[in-house]
């Protein structure tokens, strides 16, 4: 079985997306899909906001600085997440505007 530690809250990831509408990007939402499989059974679920709700929720990464978007434009960004020392269950997310 895999587990998660406080150190796993520290990461940096580059990403690209194409804006569907004009507006301001103020947050990103993270979610996961999981599949459990044995010889006889297979069970899966998703925490996607587009899927059936579970007791698991999405993670919201609030951006320190909003990003202006124009429909159809490509956005290339880098996101860094780090643990907050005083509250181990919280994480700060800072967008590194390029």
C-alpha atoms as a PDB file:
ATOM      1  CA  UNK A   1       0.000   0.000   0.000  1.00  0.00           C
ATOM      2  CA  UNK A   2       1.210   3.497  -0.745  1.00  0.00           C
ATOM      3  CA  UNK A   3       1.143   6.270   1.802  1.00  0.00           C
ATOM      4  CA  UNK A   4       1.561  10.029   1.895  1.00  0.00           C
ATOM      5  CA  UNK A   5       3.818  12.080   4.136  1.00  0.00           C
ATOM      6  CA  UNK A   6       4.147  15.799   4.874  1.00  0.00           C
ATOM      7  CA  UNK A   7       7.151  15.857   2.524  1.00  0.00           C
ATOM      8  CA  UNK A   8       4.811  14.856  -0.329  1.00  0.00           C
ATOM      9  CA  UNK A   9       3.119  18.268  -0.001  1.00  0.00           C
ATOM     10  CA  UNK A  10       6.293  19.821  -1.386  1.00  0.00           C
ATOM     11  CA  UNK A  11       6.287  19.710  -5.186  1.00  0.00           C
ATOM     12  CA  UNK A  12       6.659  21.784  -8.313  1.00  0.00           C
ATOM     13  CA  UNK A  13       4.900  21.065 -11.584  1.00  0.00           C
ATOM     14  CA  UNK A  14       4.834  22.752 -14.982  1.00  0.00           C
ATOM     15  CA  UNK A  15       1.498  22.698 -16.799  1.00  0.00           C
ATOM     16  CA  UNK A  16      -0.212  24.028 -19.910  1.00  0.00           C
ATOM     17  CA  UNK A  17      -3.870  24.657 -20.587  1.00  0.00           C
ATOM     18  CA  UNK A  18      -6.004  26.389 -23.188  1.00  0.00           C
ATOM     19  CA  UNK A  19      -8.583  28.854 -21.886  1.00  0.00           C
ATOM     20  CA  UNK A  20     -12.170  28.128 -22.944  1.00  0.00           C
ATOM     21  CA  UNK A  21     -13.467  31.575 -21.956  1.00  0.00           C
ATOM     22  CA  UNK A  22     -12.133  35.036 -21.121  1.00  0.00           C
ATOM     23  CA  UNK A  23     -11.667  35.608 -17.417  1.00  0.00           C
ATOM     24  CA  UNK A  24      -9.448  35.420 -14.355  1.00  0.00           C
ATOM     25  CA  UNK A  25      -7.874  32.180 -13.140  1.00  0.00           C
ATOM     26  CA  UNK A  26      -7.822  32.332  -9.329  1.00  0.00           C
ATOM     27  CA  UNK A  27      -7.432  28.652  -8.383  1.00  0.00           C
ATOM     28  CA  UNK A  28      -6.717  25.161  -9.670  1.00  0.00           C
ATOM     29  CA  UNK A  29      -8.552  22.047  -8.512  1.00  0.00           C
ATOM     30  CA  UNK A  30      -6.763  18.739  -7.933  1.00  0.00           C
ATOM     31  CA  UNK A  31      -8.491  15.369  -7.771  1.00  0.00           C
ATOM     32  CA  UNK A  32      -7.634  11.700  -8.160  1.00  0.00           C
ATOM     33  CA  UNK A  33      -8.966   8.469  -9.615  1.00  0.00           C
ATOM     34  CA  UNK A  34      -8.280   5.151  -7.896  1.00  0.00           C
ATOM     35  CA  UNK A  35      -8.769   1.516  -8.860  1.00  0.00           C
ATOM     36  CA  UNK A  36      -8.688  -1.494  -6.551  1.00  0.00           C
ATOM     37  CA  UNK A  37      -8.343  -4.831  -8.274  1.00  0.00           C
ATOM     38  CA  UNK A  38      -8.227  -8.426  -7.091  1.00  0.00           C
ATOM     39  CA  UNK A  39      -8.612 -11.691  -8.941  1.00  0.00           C
ATOM     40  CA  UNK A  40     -12.404 -11.643  -8.635  1.00  0.00           C
ATOM     41  CA  UNK A  41     -13.320  -7.988  -8.144  1.00  0.00           C
ATOM     42  CA  UNK A  42     -12.507  -4.590  -9.533  1.00  0.00           C
ATOM     43  CA  UNK A  43     -13.639  -1.387  -7.823  1.00  0.00           C
ATOM     44  CA  UNK A  44     -12.844   2.179  -8.814  1.00  0.00           C
ATOM     45  CA  UNK A  45     -13.944   5.690  -8.005  1.00  0.00           C
ATOM     46  CA  UNK A  46     -13.013   9.245  -8.848  1.00  0.00           C
ATOM     47  CA  UNK A  47     -12.952  12.460  -6.854  1.00  0.00           C
ATOM     48  CA  UNK A  48     -13.423  14.464 -10.060  1.00  0.00           C
ATOM     49  CA  UNK A  49     -15.931  17.295  -9.745  1.00  0.00           C
ATOM     50  CA  UNK A  50     -17.540  15.803 -12.886  1.00  0.00           C
ATOM     51  CA  UNK A  51     -18.097  12.365 -11.289  1.00  0.00           C
ATOM     52  CA  UNK A  52     -20.436  10.945  -8.644  1.00  0.00           C
ATOM     53  CA  UNK A  53     -19.613  12.603  -5.272  1.00  0.00           C
ATOM     54  CA  UNK A  54     -17.840  10.563  -2.576  1.00  0.00           C
ATOM     55  CA  UNK A  55     -16.759  11.435   0.963  1.00  0.00           C
ATOM     56  CA  UNK A  56     -13.391  12.371  -0.598  1.00  0.00           C
ATOM     57  CA  UNK A  57     -13.220  15.945  -1.855  1.00  0.00           C
ATOM     58  CA  UNK A  58     -11.111  17.884  -4.322  1.00  0.00           C
ATOM     59  CA  UNK A  59      -8.078  19.934  -3.312  1.00  0.00           C
ATOM     60  CA  UNK A  60      -8.192  23.618  -4.215  1.00  0.00           C
ATOM     61  CA  UNK A  61      -4.919  25.395  -4.945  1.00  0.00           C
ATOM     62  CA  UNK A  62      -5.574  29.125  -4.554  1.00  0.00           C
ATOM     63  CA  UNK A  63      -3.281  31.261  -6.680  1.00  0.00           C
ATOM     64  CA  UNK A  64      -1.389  34.048  -4.980  1.00  0.00           C
ATOM     65  CA  UNK A  65      -1.853  36.246  -8.065  1.00  0.00           C
ATOM     66  CA  UNK A  66      -4.824  35.837 -10.465  1.00  0.00           C
ATOM     67  CA  UNK A  67      -3.951  35.150 -14.102  1.00  0.00           C
ATOM     68  CA  UNK A  68      -5.835  36.903 -16.923  1.00  0.00           C
ATOM     69  CA  UNK A  69      -7.116  34.477 -19.562  1.00  0.00           C
ATOM     70  CA  UNK A  70      -8.310  35.020 -23.126  1.00  0.00           C
ATOM     71  CA  UNK A  71     -10.436  32.355 -24.828  1.00  0.00           C
ATOM     72  CA  UNK A  72      -8.351  30.073 -27.039  1.00  0.00           C
ATOM     73  CA  UNK A  73      -5.002  31.227 -25.672  1.00  0.00           C
ATOM     74  CA  UNK A  74      -2.383  28.788 -24.381  1.00  0.00           C
ATOM     75  CA  UNK A  75      -1.232  29.322 -20.808  1.00  0.00           C
ATOM     76  CA  UNK A  76       2.130  27.861 -19.707  1.00  0.00           C
ATOM     77  CA  UNK A  77       2.665  28.015 -15.955  1.00  0.00           C
ATOM     78  CA  UNK A  78       4.575  26.461 -13.103  1.00  0.00           C
ATOM     79  CA  UNK A  79       2.999  25.653  -9.750  1.00  0.00           C
ATOM     80  CA  UNK A  80       4.856  25.125  -6.475  1.00  0.00           C
ATOM     81  CA  UNK A  81       3.272  23.722  -3.314  1.00  0.00           C
ATOM     82  CA  UNK A  82       4.849  23.673   0.124  1.00  0.00           C
ATOM     83  CA  UNK A  83       3.755  22.753   3.613  1.00  0.00           C
ATOM     84  CA  UNK A  84       2.933  25.500   6.092  1.00  0.00           C
ATOM     85  CA  UNK A  85       4.952  24.886   9.263  1.00  0.00           C
ATOM     86  CA  UNK A  86       2.255  25.930  11.740  1.00  0.00           C
ATOM     87  CA  UNK A  87      -0.548  23.816  10.215  1.00  0.00           C
ATOM     88  CA  UNK A  88       0.672  20.519   8.804  1.00  0.00           C
ATOM     89  CA  UNK A  89      -2.676  19.756   7.163  1.00  0.00           C
ATOM     90  CA  UNK A  90      -2.619  22.970   5.103  1.00  0.00           C
ATOM     91  CA  UNK A  91      -0.468  23.777   2.094  1.00  0.00           C
ATOM     92  CA  UNK A  92       0.426  27.027   0.390  1.00  0.00           C
ATOM     93  CA  UNK A  93       0.329  27.244  -3.380  1.00  0.00           C
ATOM     94  CA  UNK A  94       2.202  29.960  -5.166  1.00  0.00           C
ATOM     95  CA  UNK A  95       2.004  30.430  -8.896  1.00  0.00           C
ATOM     96  CA  UNK A  96       5.277  31.258 -10.552  1.00  0.00           C
ATOM     97  CA  UNK A  97       4.174  33.524 -13.423  1.00  0.00           C
ATOM     98  CA  UNK A  98       6.464  33.127 -16.360  1.00  0.00           C
END
